[in-house]
All heavy atoms as atom14 arrays in JSON, in Angstrom:
{
  "sequence": "GVLATGTTVTITAVGNTIALLENSTVVASASDPAYSGGAPGVMASGTT",
  "atom14_mask": [
    [1, 1, 1, 1, 0, 0, 0, 0, 0, 0, 0, 0, 0, 0],
    [1, 1, 1, 1, 1, 1, 1, 0, 0, 0, 0, 0, 0, 0],
    [1, 1, 1, 1, 1, 1, 1, 1, 0, 0, 0, 0, 0, 0],
    [1, 1, 1, 1, 1, 0, 0, 0, 0, 0, 0, 0, 0, 0],
    [1, 1, 1, 1, 1, 1, 1, 0, 0, 0, 0, 0, 0, 0],
    [1, 1, 1, 1, 0, 0, 0, 0, 0, 0, 0, 0, 0, 0],
    [1, 1, 1, 1, 1, 1, 1, 0, 0, 0, 0, 0, 0, 0],
    [1, 1, 1, 1, 1, 1, 1, 0, 0, 0, 0, 0, 0, 0],
    [1, 1, 1, 1, 1, 1, 1, 0, 0, 0, 0, 0, 0, 0],
    [1, 1, 1, 1, 1, 1, 1, 0, 0, 0, 0, 0, 0, 0],
    [1, 1, 1, 1, 1, 1, 1, 1, 0, 0, 0, 0, 0, 0],
    [1, 1, 1, 1, 1, 1, 1, 0, 0, 0, 0, 0, 0, 0],
    [1, 1, 1, 1, 1, 0, 0, 0, 0, 0, 0, 0, 0, 0],
    [1, 1, 1, 1, 1, 1, 1, 0, 0, 0, 0, 0, 0, 0],
    [1, 1, 1, 1, 0, 0, 0, 0, 0, 0, 0, 0, 0, 0],
    [1, 1, 1, 1, 1, 1, 1, 1, 0, 0, 0, 0, 0, 0],
    [1, 1, 1, 1, 1, 1, 1, 0, 0, 0, 0, 0, 0, 0],
    [1, 1, 1, 1, 1, 1, 1, 1, 0, 0, 0, 0, 0, 0],
    [1, 1, 1, 1, 1, 0, 0, 0, 0, 0, 0, 0, 0, 0],
    [1, 1, 1, 1, 1, 1, 1, 1, 0, 0, 0, 0, 0, 0],
    [1, 1, 1, 1, 1, 1, 1, 1, 0, 0, 0, 0, 0, 0],
    [1, 1, 1, 1, 1, 1, 1, 1, 1, 0, 0, 0, 0, 0],
    [1, 1, 1, 1, 1, 1, 1, 1, 0, 0, 0, 0, 0, 0],
    [1, 1, 1, 1, 1, 1, 0, 0, 0, 0, 0, 0, 0, 0],
    [1, 1, 1, 1, 1, 1, 1, 0, 0, 0, 0, 0, 0, 0],
    [1, 1, 1, 1, 1, 1, 1, 0, 0, 0, 0, 0, 0, 0],
    [1, 1, 1, 1, 1, 1, 1, 0, 0, 0, 0, 0, 0, 0],
    [1, 1, 1, 1, 1, 0, 0, 0, 0, 0, 0, 0, 0, 0],
    [1, 1, 1, 1, 1, 1, 0, 0, 0, 0, 0, 0, 0, 0],
    [1, 1, 1, 1, 1, 0, 0, 0, 0, 0, 0, 0, 0, 0],
    [1, 1, 1, 1, 1, 1, 0, 0, 0, 0, 0, 0, 0, 0],
    [1, 1, 1, 1, 1, 1, 1, 1, 0, 0, 0, 0, 0, 0],
    [1, 1, 1, 1, 1, 1, 1, 0, 0, 0, 0, 0, 0, 0],
    [1, 1, 1, 1, 1, 0, 0, 0, 0, 0, 0, 0, 0, 0],
    [1, 1, 1, 1, 1, 1, 1, 1, 1, 1, 1, 1, 0, 0],
    [1, 1, 1, 1, 1, 1, 0, 0, 0, 0, 0, 0, 0, 0],
    [1, 1, 1, 1, 0, 0, 0, 0, 0, 0, 0, 0, 0, 0],
    [1, 1, 1, 1, 0, 0, 0, 0, 0, 0, 0, 0, 0, 0],
    [1, 1, 1, 1, 1, 0, 0, 0, 0, 0, 0, 0, 0, 0],
    [1, 1, 1, 1, 1, 1, 1, 0, 0, 0, 0, 0, 0, 0],
    [1, 1, 1, 1, 0, 0, 0, 0, 0, 0, 0, 0, 0, 0],
    [1, 1, 1, 1, 1, 1, 1, 0, 0, 0, 0, 0, 0, 0],
    [1, 1, 1, 1, 1, 1, 1, 1, 0, 0, 0, 0, 0, 0],
    [1, 1, 1, 1, 1, 0, 0, 0, 0, 0, 0, 0, 0, 0],
    [1, 1, 1, 1, 1, 1, 0, 0, 0, 0, 0, 0, 0, 0],
    [1, 1, 1, 1, 0, 0, 0, 0, 0, 0, 0, 0, 0, 0],
    [1, 1, 1, 1, 1, 1, 1, 0, 0, 0, 0, 0, 0, 0],
    [1, 1, 1, 1, 1, 1, 1, 0, 0, 0, 0, 0, 0, 0]
  ],
  "atom14_positions": [
    [[-111.22, 124.98, -171.48], [-109.99, 124.22, -171.55], [-109.62, 123.97, -173.0], [-110.22, 124.55, -173.93], [0.0, 0.0, 0.0], [0.0, 0.0, 0.0], [0.0, 0.0, 0.0], [0.0, 0.0, 0.0], [0.0, 0.0, 0.0], [0.0, 0.0, 0.0], [0.0, 0.0, 0.0], [0.0, 0.0, 0.0], [0.0, 0.0, 0.0], [0.0, 0.0, 0.0]],
    [[-108.66, 123.11, -173.22], [-108.22, 122.8, -174.58], [-109.3, 122.02, -175.31], [-109.8, 121.01, -174.8], [-106.91, 121.99, -174.57], [-106.53, 121.58, -176.0], [-105.8, 122.81, -173.94], [0.0, 0.0, 0.0], [0.0, 0.0, 0.0], [0.0, 0.0, 0.0], [0.0, 0.0, 0.0], [0.0, 0.0, 0.0], [0.0, 0.0, 0.0], [0.0, 0.0, 0.0]],
    [[-109.71, 122.48, -176.47], [-110.73, 121.79, -177.28], [-110.05, 120.79, -178.22], [-109.03, 121.11, -178.86], [-111.53, 122.81, -178.1], [-112.31, 123.86, -177.32], [-113.06, 124.8, -178.29], [-113.31, 123.22, -176.35], [0.0, 0.0, 0.0], [0.0, 0.0, 0.0], [0.0, 0.0, 0.0], [0.0, 0.0, 0.0], [0.0, 0.0, 0.0], [0.0, 0.0, 0.0]],
    [[-110.64, 119.62, -178.32], [-110.09, 118.6, -179.18], [-110.22, 119.03, -180.63], [-111.16, 119.75, -181.02], [-110.84, 117.28, -178.97], [0.0, 0.0, 0.0], [0.0, 0.0, 0.0], [0.0, 0.0, 0.0], [0.0, 0.0, 0.0], [0.0, 0.0, 0.0], [0.0, 0.0, 0.0], [0.0, 0.0, 0.0], [0.0, 0.0, 0.0], [0.0, 0.0, 0.0]],
    [[-109.25, 118.61, -181.44], [-109.31, 118.87, -182.89], [-110.63, 118.32, -183.47], [-111.01, 117.18, -183.17], [-108.12, 118.22, -183.6], [-106.91, 118.77, -183.08], [-108.19, 118.44, -185.1], [0.0, 0.0, 0.0], [0.0, 0.0, 0.0], [0.0, 0.0, 0.0], [0.0, 0.0, 0.0], [0.0, 0.0, 0.0], [0.0, 0.0, 0.0], [0.0, 0.0, 0.0]],
    [[-111.3, 119.11, -184.23], [-112.6, 118.73, -184.79], [-113.78, 119.27, -184.04], [-114.93, 119.19, -184.52], [0.0, 0.0, 0.0], [0.0, 0.0, 0.0], [0.0, 0.0, 0.0], [0.0, 0.0, 0.0], [0.0, 0.0, 0.0], [0.0, 0.0, 0.0], [0.0, 0.0, 0.0], [0.0, 0.0, 0.0], [0.0, 0.0, 0.0], [0.0, 0.0, 0.0]],
    [[-113.55, 119.86, -182.85], [-114.63, 120.47, -182.09], [-115.22, 121.63, -182.89], [-114.47, 122.42, -183.49], [-114.12, 120.99, -180.73], [-113.61, 119.91, -179.99], [-115.24, 121.68, -179.96], [0.0, 0.0, 0.0], [0.0, 0.0, 0.0], [0.0, 0.0, 0.0], [0.0, 0.0, 0.0], [0.0, 0.0, 0.0], [0.0, 0.0, 0.0], [0.0, 0.0, 0.0]],
    [[-116.52, 121.77, -182.9], [-117.15, 122.91, -183.57], [-117.47, 124.0, -182.54], [-117.89, 123.72, -181.42], [-118.45, 122.5, -184.29], [-119.37, 121.93, -183.35], [-118.16, 121.51, -185.4], [0.0, 0.0, 0.0], [0.0, 0.0, 0.0], [0.0, 0.0, 0.0], [0.0, 0.0, 0.0], [0.0, 0.0, 0.0], [0.0, 0.0, 0.0], [0.0, 0.0, 0.0]],
    [[-117.23, 125.22, -182.95], [-117.59, 126.41, -182.18], [-118.56, 127.21, -183.0], [-118.26, 127.58, -184.15], [-116.34, 127.23, -181.84], [-116.74, 128.53, -181.13], [-115.36, 126.43, -180.99], [0.0, 0.0, 0.0], [0.0, 0.0, 0.0], [0.0, 0.0, 0.0], [0.0, 0.0, 0.0], [0.0, 0.0, 0.0], [0.0, 0.0, 0.0], [0.0, 0.0, 0.0]],
    [[-119.74, 127.46, -182.45], [-120.82, 128.09, -183.2], [-121.35, 129.27, -182.43], [-121.53, 129.2, -181.2], [-121.98, 127.09, -183.45], [-121.47, 125.89, -184.03], [-123.02, 127.7, -184.37], [0.0, 0.0, 0.0], [0.0, 0.0, 0.0], [0.0, 0.0, 0.0], [0.0, 0.0, 0.0], [0.0, 0.0, 0.0], [0.0, 0.0, 0.0], [0.0, 0.0, 0.0]],
    [[-121.63, 130.35, -183.11], [-122.33, 131.49, -182.54], [-123.62, 131.69, -183.31], [-123.63, 131.6, -184.55], [-121.48, 132.76, -182.52], [-122.22, 133.89, -181.83], [-121.02, 133.15, -183.9], [-121.36, 135.16, -181.6], [0.0, 0.0, 0.0], [0.0, 0.0, 0.0], [0.0, 0.0, 0.0], [0.0, 0.0, 0.0], [0.0, 0.0, 0.0], [0.0, 0.0, 0.0]],
    [[-124.72, 131.91, -182.6], [-126.0, 132.17, -183.23], [-126.58, 133.47, -182.72], [-126.35, 133.84, -181.55], [-127.01, 131.03, -182.95], [-127.34, 131.01, -181.56], [-126.45, 129.68, -183.36], [0.0, 0.0, 0.0], [0.0, 0.0, 0.0], [0.0, 0.0, 0.0], [0.0, 0.0, 0.0], [0.0, 0.0, 0.0], [0.0, 0.0, 0.0], [0.0, 0.0, 0.0]],
    [[-127.32, 134.12, -183.56], [-128.06, 135.32, -183.19], [-129.49, 135.1, -183.67], [-129.74, 135.08, -184.89], [-127.46, 136.56, -183.82], [0.0, 0.0, 0.0], [0.0, 0.0, 0.0], [0.0, 0.0, 0.0], [0.0, 0.0, 0.0], [0.0, 0.0, 0.0], [0.0, 0.0, 0.0], [0.0, 0.0, 0.0], [0.0, 0.0, 0.0], [0.0, 0.0, 0.0]],
    [[-130.42, 134.93, -182.74], [-131.82, 134.72, -183.04], [-132.62, 135.7, -182.21], [-132.58, 135.63, -180.97], [-132.26, 133.27, -182.76], [-133.77, 133.11, -183.01], [-131.48, 132.29, -183.63], [0.0, 0.0, 0.0], [0.0, 0.0, 0.0], [0.0, 0.0, 0.0], [0.0, 0.0, 0.0], [0.0, 0.0, 0.0], [0.0, 0.0, 0.0], [0.0, 0.0, 0.0]],
    [[-133.31, 136.62, -182.85], [-133.96, 137.67, -182.1], [-132.91, 138.47, -181.35], [-131.91, 138.92, -181.93], [0.0, 0.0, 0.0], [0.0, 0.0, 0.0], [0.0, 0.0, 0.0], [0.0, 0.0, 0.0], [0.0, 0.0, 0.0], [0.0, 0.0, 0.0], [0.0, 0.0, 0.0], [0.0, 0.0, 0.0], [0.0, 0.0, 0.0], [0.0, 0.0, 0.0]],
    [[-133.12, 138.67, -180.07], [-132.11, 139.37, -179.27], [-131.25, 138.41, -178.44], [-130.55, 138.83, -177.53], [-132.76, 140.41, -178.36], [-133.75, 139.81, -177.4], [-133.67, 138.65, -177.05], [-134.73, 140.6, -176.97], [0.0, 0.0, 0.0], [0.0, 0.0, 0.0], [0.0, 0.0, 0.0], [0.0, 0.0, 0.0], [0.0, 0.0, 0.0], [0.0, 0.0, 0.0]],
    [[-131.3, 137.12, -178.76], [-130.52, 136.13, -178.03], [-129.29, 135.77, -178.83], [-129.36, 135.37, -179.99], [-131.36, 134.85, -177.78], [-132.5, 135.21, -176.99], [-130.55, 133.8, -177.05], [0.0, 0.0, 0.0], [0.0, 0.0, 0.0], [0.0, 0.0, 0.0], [0.0, 0.0, 0.0], [0.0, 0.0, 0.0], [0.0, 0.0, 0.0], [0.0, 0.0, 0.0]],
    [[-128.15, 135.92, -178.18], [-126.85, 135.59, -178.76], [-126.31, 134.41, -177.94], [-126.21, 134.49, -176.73], [-125.86, 136.76, -178.72], [-126.56, 138.09, -179.09], [-124.67, 136.47, -179.58], [-127.14, 138.11, -180.47], [0.0, 0.0, 0.0], [0.0, 0.0, 0.0], [0.0, 0.0, 0.0], [0.0, 0.0, 0.0], [0.0, 0.0, 0.0], [0.0, 0.0, 0.0]],
    [[-125.97, 133.3, -178.64], [-125.51, 132.1, -177.93], [-124.25, 131.57, -178.56], [-124.05, 131.64, -179.77], [-126.6, 131.04, -177.95], [0.0, 0.0, 0.0], [0.0, 0.0, 0.0], [0.0, 0.0, 0.0], [0.0, 0.0, 0.0], [0.0, 0.0, 0.0], [0.0, 0.0, 0.0], [0.0, 0.0, 0.0], [0.0, 0.0, 0.0], [0.0, 0.0, 0.0]],
    [[-123.37, 131.03, -177.7], [-122.13, 130.41, -178.13], [-122.19, 128.93, -177.77], [-122.53, 128.58, -176.62], [-120.96, 131.08, -177.42], [-119.53, 130.66, -177.82], [-119.3, 130.94, -179.3], [-118.5, 131.42, -176.97], [0.0, 0.0, 0.0], [0.0, 0.0, 0.0], [0.0, 0.0, 0.0], [0.0, 0.0, 0.0], [0.0, 0.0, 0.0], [0.0, 0.0, 0.0]],
    [[-121.86, 128.07, -178.73], [-122.01, 126.64, -178.56], [-120.71, 125.91, -178.81], [-119.93, 126.29, -179.72], [-123.08, 126.06, -179.5], [-124.52, 126.53, -179.34], [-124.76, 127.79, -180.16], [-125.49, 125.45, -179.78], [0.0, 0.0, 0.0], [0.0, 0.0, 0.0], [0.0, 0.0, 0.0], [0.0, 0.0, 0.0], [0.0, 0.0, 0.0], [0.0, 0.0, 0.0]],
    [[-120.47, 124.88, -178.01], [-119.39, 123.93, -178.23], [-120.0, 122.59, -178.58], [-120.69, 121.99, -177.75], [-118.53, 123.8, -176.98], [-117.43, 122.74, -177.09], [-116.73, 122.48, -175.77], [-116.69, 123.37, -174.88], [-116.22, 121.34, -175.58], [0.0, 0.0, 0.0], [0.0, 0.0, 0.0], [0.0, 0.0, 0.0], [0.0, 0.0, 0.0], [0.0, 0.0, 0.0]],
    [[-119.79, 122.14, -179.81], [-120.38, 120.87, -180.26], [-121.88, 120.77, -179.95], [-122.35, 119.8, -179.36], [-119.64, 119.68, -179.64], [-118.31, 119.4, -180.31], [-118.08, 119.83, -181.44], [-117.44, 118.68, -179.62], [0.0, 0.0, 0.0], [0.0, 0.0, 0.0], [0.0, 0.0, 0.0], [0.0, 0.0, 0.0], [0.0, 0.0, 0.0], [0.0, 0.0, 0.0]],
    [[-122.63, 121.77, -180.33], [-124.09, 121.79, -180.19], [-124.55, 121.83, -178.73], [-125.7, 121.49, -178.43], [-124.73, 120.59, -180.89], [-124.44, 120.63, -182.28], [0.0, 0.0, 0.0], [0.0, 0.0, 0.0], [0.0, 0.0, 0.0], [0.0, 0.0, 0.0], [0.0, 0.0, 0.0], [0.0, 0.0, 0.0], [0.0, 0.0, 0.0], [0.0, 0.0, 0.0]],
    [[-123.7, 122.28, -177.82], [-124.09, 122.5, -176.44], [-123.91, 123.99, -176.13], [-122.82, 124.54, -176.33], [-123.24, 121.68, -175.47], [-123.45, 120.29, -175.73], [-123.6, 121.98, -174.02], [0.0, 0.0, 0.0], [0.0, 0.0, 0.0], [0.0, 0.0, 0.0], [0.0, 0.0, 0.0], [0.0, 0.0, 0.0], [0.0, 0.0, 0.0], [0.0, 0.0, 0.0]],
    [[-124.96, 124.66, -175.67], [-124.87, 126.06, -175.34], [-124.0, 126.23, -174.09], [-124.3, 125.67, -173.03], [-126.26, 126.67, -175.1], [-126.15, 128.14, -174.68], [-127.13, 126.56, -176.35], [0.0, 0.0, 0.0], [0.0, 0.0, 0.0], [0.0, 0.0, 0.0], [0.0, 0.0, 0.0], [0.0, 0.0, 0.0], [0.0, 0.0, 0.0], [0.0, 0.0, 0.0]],
    [[-122.92, 126.99, -174.2], [-122.01, 127.17, -173.09], [-121.99, 128.62, -172.61], [-121.51, 128.89, -171.5], [-120.59, 126.72, -173.44], [-120.56, 125.21, -173.69], [-120.02, 127.47, -174.64], [0.0, 0.0, 0.0], [0.0, 0.0, 0.0], [0.0, 0.0, 0.0], [0.0, 0.0, 0.0], [0.0, 0.0, 0.0], [0.0, 0.0, 0.0], [0.0, 0.0, 0.0]],
    [[-122.46, 129.55, -173.4], [-122.51, 130.96, -172.99], [-123.6, 131.63, -173.83], [-123.82, 131.3, -174.97], [-121.16, 131.63, -173.22], [0.0, 0.0, 0.0], [0.0, 0.0, 0.0], [0.0, 0.0, 0.0], [0.0, 0.0, 0.0], [0.0, 0.0, 0.0], [0.0, 0.0, 0.0], [0.0, 0.0, 0.0], [0.0, 0.0, 0.0], [0.0, 0.0, 0.0]],
    [[-124.28, 132.6, -173.22], [-125.34, 133.3, -173.92], [-125.57, 134.67, -173.31], [-125.17, 134.94, -172.18], [-126.64, 132.47, -173.91], [-127.13, 132.36, -172.59], [0.0, 0.0, 0.0], [0.0, 0.0, 0.0], [0.0, 0.0, 0.0], [0.0, 0.0, 0.0], [0.0, 0.0, 0.0], [0.0, 0.0, 0.0], [0.0, 0.0, 0.0], [0.0, 0.0, 0.0]],
    [[-126.25, 135.49, -174.06], [-126.61, 136.83, -173.56], [-127.79, 137.32, -174.4], [-128.07, 136.8, -175.48], [-125.44, 137.79, -173.69], [0.0, 0.0, 0.0], [0.0, 0.0, 0.0], [0.0, 0.0, 0.0], [0.0, 0.0, 0.0], [0.0, 0.0, 0.0], [0.0, 0.0, 0.0], [0.0, 0.0, 0.0], [0.0, 0.0, 0.0], [0.0, 0.0, 0.0]],
    [[-128.45, 138.32, -173.87], [-129.54, 138.99, -174.59], [-129.04, 140.41, -174.89], [-128.68, 141.16, -174.0], [-130.8, 139.01, -173.75], [-131.85, 139.66, -174.43], [0.0, 0.0, 0.0], [0.0, 0.0, 0.0], [0.0, 0.0, 0.0], [0.0, 0.0, 0.0], [0.0, 0.0, 0.0], [0.0, 0.0, 0.0], [0.0, 0.0, 0.0], [0.0, 0.0, 0.0]],
    [[-129.04, 140.74, -176.18], [-128.56, 142.05, -176.59], [-129.28, 142.48, -177.86], [-129.28, 141.76, -178.86], [-127.05, 142.02, -176.84], [-126.49, 143.41, -176.97], [-126.52, 143.96, -178.12], [-126.0, 143.98, -175.99], [0.0, 0.0, 0.0], [0.0, 0.0, 0.0], [0.0, 0.0, 0.0], [0.0, 0.0, 0.0], [0.0, 0.0, 0.0], [0.0, 0.0, 0.0]],
    [[-129.87, 143.68, -177.88], [-130.65, 144.13, -179.03], [-129.9, 145.08, -179.94], [-130.49, 145.68, -180.84], [-131.82, 144.83, -178.37], [-131.21, 145.47, -177.16], [-130.11, 144.53, -176.7], [0.0, 0.0, 0.0], [0.0, 0.0, 0.0], [0.0, 0.0, 0.0], [0.0, 0.0, 0.0], [0.0, 0.0, 0.0], [0.0, 0.0, 0.0], [0.0, 0.0, 0.0]],
    [[-128.6, 145.24, -179.75], [-127.88, 146.33, -180.41], [-127.89, 146.23, -181.93], [-128.05, 147.24, -182.63], [-126.45, 146.4, -179.89], [0.0, 0.0, 0.0], [0.0, 0.0, 0.0], [0.0, 0.0, 0.0], [0.0, 0.0, 0.0], [0.0, 0.0, 0.0], [0.0, 0.0, 0.0], [0.0, 0.0, 0.0], [0.0, 0.0, 0.0], [0.0, 0.0, 0.0]],
    [[-127.68, 145.02, -182.47], [-127.5, 144.9, -183.92], [-128.55, 143.99, -184.57], [-128.95, 142.97, -183.98], [-126.12, 144.33, -184.22], [-124.98, 145.18, -183.67], [-124.0, 144.59, -182.88], [-124.89, 146.53, -183.94], [-122.94, 145.36, -182.37], [-123.87, 147.31, -183.42], [-122.89, 146.71, -182.65], [-121.88, 147.47, -182.13], [0.0, 0.0, 0.0], [0.0, 0.0, 0.0]],
    [[-128.92, 144.34, -185.74], [-129.7, 143.48, -186.61], [-129.07, 143.53, -188.0], [-128.23, 144.39, -188.28], [-131.16, 143.92, -186.68], [-131.25, 145.26, -187.18], [0.0, 0.0, 0.0], [0.0, 0.0, 0.0], [0.0, 0.0, 0.0], [0.0, 0.0, 0.0], [0.0, 0.0, 0.0], [0.0, 0.0, 0.0], [0.0, 0.0, 0.0], [0.0, 0.0, 0.0]],
    [[-129.43, 142.58, -188.85], [-128.82, 142.56, -190.17], [-127.37, 142.1, -190.13], [-126.97, 141.33, -189.29], [0.0, 0.0, 0.0], [0.0, 0.0, 0.0], [0.0, 0.0, 0.0], [0.0, 0.0, 0.0], [0.0, 0.0, 0.0], [0.0, 0.0, 0.0], [0.0, 0.0, 0.0], [0.0, 0.0, 0.0], [0.0, 0.0, 0.0], [0.0, 0.0, 0.0]],
    [[-126.54, 142.66, -191.02], [-125.15, 142.24, -191.08], [-124.99, 140.87, -191.7], [-125.9, 140.34, -192.34], [0.0, 0.0, 0.0], [0.0, 0.0, 0.0], [0.0, 0.0, 0.0], [0.0, 0.0, 0.0], [0.0, 0.0, 0.0], [0.0, 0.0, 0.0], [0.0, 0.0, 0.0], [0.0, 0.0, 0.0], [0.0, 0.0, 0.0], [0.0, 0.0, 0.0]],
    [[-123.81, 140.28, -191.48], [-123.5, 139.0, -192.11], [-122.67, 138.13, -191.16], [-121.95, 138.64, -190.3], [-122.73, 139.22, -193.4], [0.0, 0.0, 0.0], [0.0, 0.0, 0.0], [0.0, 0.0, 0.0], [0.0, 0.0, 0.0], [0.0, 0.0, 0.0], [0.0, 0.0, 0.0], [0.0, 0.0, 0.0], [0.0, 0.0, 0.0], [0.0, 0.0, 0.0]],
    [[-122.76, 136.81, -191.34], [-121.87, 135.91, -190.56], [-120.49, 135.91, -191.17], [-120.31, 136.16, -192.38], [-122.56, 134.55, -190.71], [-123.28, 134.64, -192.01], [-123.71, 136.05, -192.18], [0.0, 0.0, 0.0], [0.0, 0.0, 0.0], [0.0, 0.0, 0.0], [0.0, 0.0, 0.0], [0.0, 0.0, 0.0], [0.0, 0.0, 0.0], [0.0, 0.0, 0.0]],
    [[-119.48, 135.58, -190.33], [-118.12, 135.53, -190.85], [-117.17, 134.94, -189.85], [-117.56, 134.3, -188.88], [0.0, 0.0, 0.0], [0.0, 0.0, 0.0], [0.0, 0.0, 0.0], [0.0, 0.0, 0.0], [0.0, 0.0, 0.0], [0.0, 0.0, 0.0], [0.0, 0.0, 0.0], [0.0, 0.0, 0.0], [0.0, 0.0, 0.0], [0.0, 0.0, 0.0]],
    [[-115.87, 135.17, -190.05], [-114.8, 134.67, -189.23], [-113.88, 135.83, -188.85], [-113.64, 136.71, -189.66], [-114.0, 133.58, -189.97], [-112.83, 133.09, -189.12], [-114.9, 132.41, -190.33], [0.0, 0.0, 0.0], [0.0, 0.0, 0.0], [0.0, 0.0, 0.0], [0.0, 0.0, 0.0], [0.0, 0.0, 0.0], [0.0, 0.0, 0.0], [0.0, 0.0, 0.0]],
    [[-113.36, 135.8, -187.62], [-112.34, 136.76, -187.22], [-111.23, 136.01, -186.54], [-111.41, 134.91, -186.01], [-112.93, 137.81, -186.27], [-114.07, 138.61, -186.85], [-114.7, 139.89, -185.76], [-113.39, 141.11, -185.91], [0.0, 0.0, 0.0], [0.0, 0.0, 0.0], [0.0, 0.0, 0.0], [0.0, 0.0, 0.0], [0.0, 0.0, 0.0], [0.0, 0.0, 0.0]],
    [[-110.02, 136.58, -186.55], [-108.89, 135.9, -185.95], [-107.85, 136.92, -185.49], [-107.79, 138.04, -185.99], [-108.24, 134.93, -186.94], [0.0, 0.0, 0.0], [0.0, 0.0, 0.0], [0.0, 0.0, 0.0], [0.0, 0.0, 0.0], [0.0, 0.0, 0.0], [0.0, 0.0, 0.0], [0.0, 0.0, 0.0], [0.0, 0.0, 0.0], [0.0, 0.0, 0.0]],
    [[-107.06, 136.48, -184.52], [-105.94, 137.28, -184.05], [-104.73, 136.37, -183.95], [-104.79, 135.32, -183.32], [-106.24, 137.9, -182.68], [-105.09, 138.59, -182.2], [0.0, 0.0, 0.0], [0.0, 0.0, 0.0], [0.0, 0.0, 0.0], [0.0, 0.0, 0.0], [0.0, 0.0, 0.0], [0.0, 0.0, 0.0], [0.0, 0.0, 0.0], [0.0, 0.0, 0.0]],
    [[-103.61, 136.75, -184.62], [-102.42, 135.93, -184.61], [-102.46, 134.87, -185.69], [-103.14, 135.03, -186.71], [0.0, 0.0, 0.0], [0.0, 0.0, 0.0], [0.0, 0.0, 0.0], [0.0, 0.0, 0.0], [0.0, 0.0, 0.0], [0.0, 0.0, 0.0], [0.0, 0.0, 0.0], [0.0, 0.0, 0.0], [0.0, 0.0, 0.0], [0.0, 0.0, 0.0]],
    [[-101.81, 133.79, -185.43], [-101.65, 132.73, -186.46], [-102.6, 131.55, -186.26], [-102.48, 130.54, -186.94], [-100.21, 132.19, -186.43], [-99.93, 131.67, -185.11], [-99.22, 133.3, -186.75], [0.0, 0.0, 0.0], [0.0, 0.0, 0.0], [0.0, 0.0, 0.0], [0.0, 0.0, 0.0], [0.0, 0.0, 0.0], [0.0, 0.0, 0.0], [0.0, 0.0, 0.0]],
    [[-103.57, 131.65, -185.35], [-104.51, 130.57, -185.1], [-105.35, 130.27, -186.34], [-105.76, 131.2, -187.06], [-105.42, 130.93, -183.93], [-104.61, 131.29, -182.81], [-106.3, 129.76, -183.54], [0.0, 0.0, 0.0], [0.0, 0.0, 0.0], [0.0, 0.0, 0.0], [0.0, 0.0, 0.0], [0.0, 0.0, 0.0], [0.0, 0.0, 0.0], [0.0, 0.0, 0.0]]
  ]
}
């Protein structure tokens, strides 16, 4: 739903576990071994 202004959205990659968090609560996760290395960053589509 609509997230309040100030809500944090976090993605973590630890081992082969990828997790998505809303305000430090895990709301979605998966196990995937495809990538290692790389860098954290931001992506966007449109004017958001």
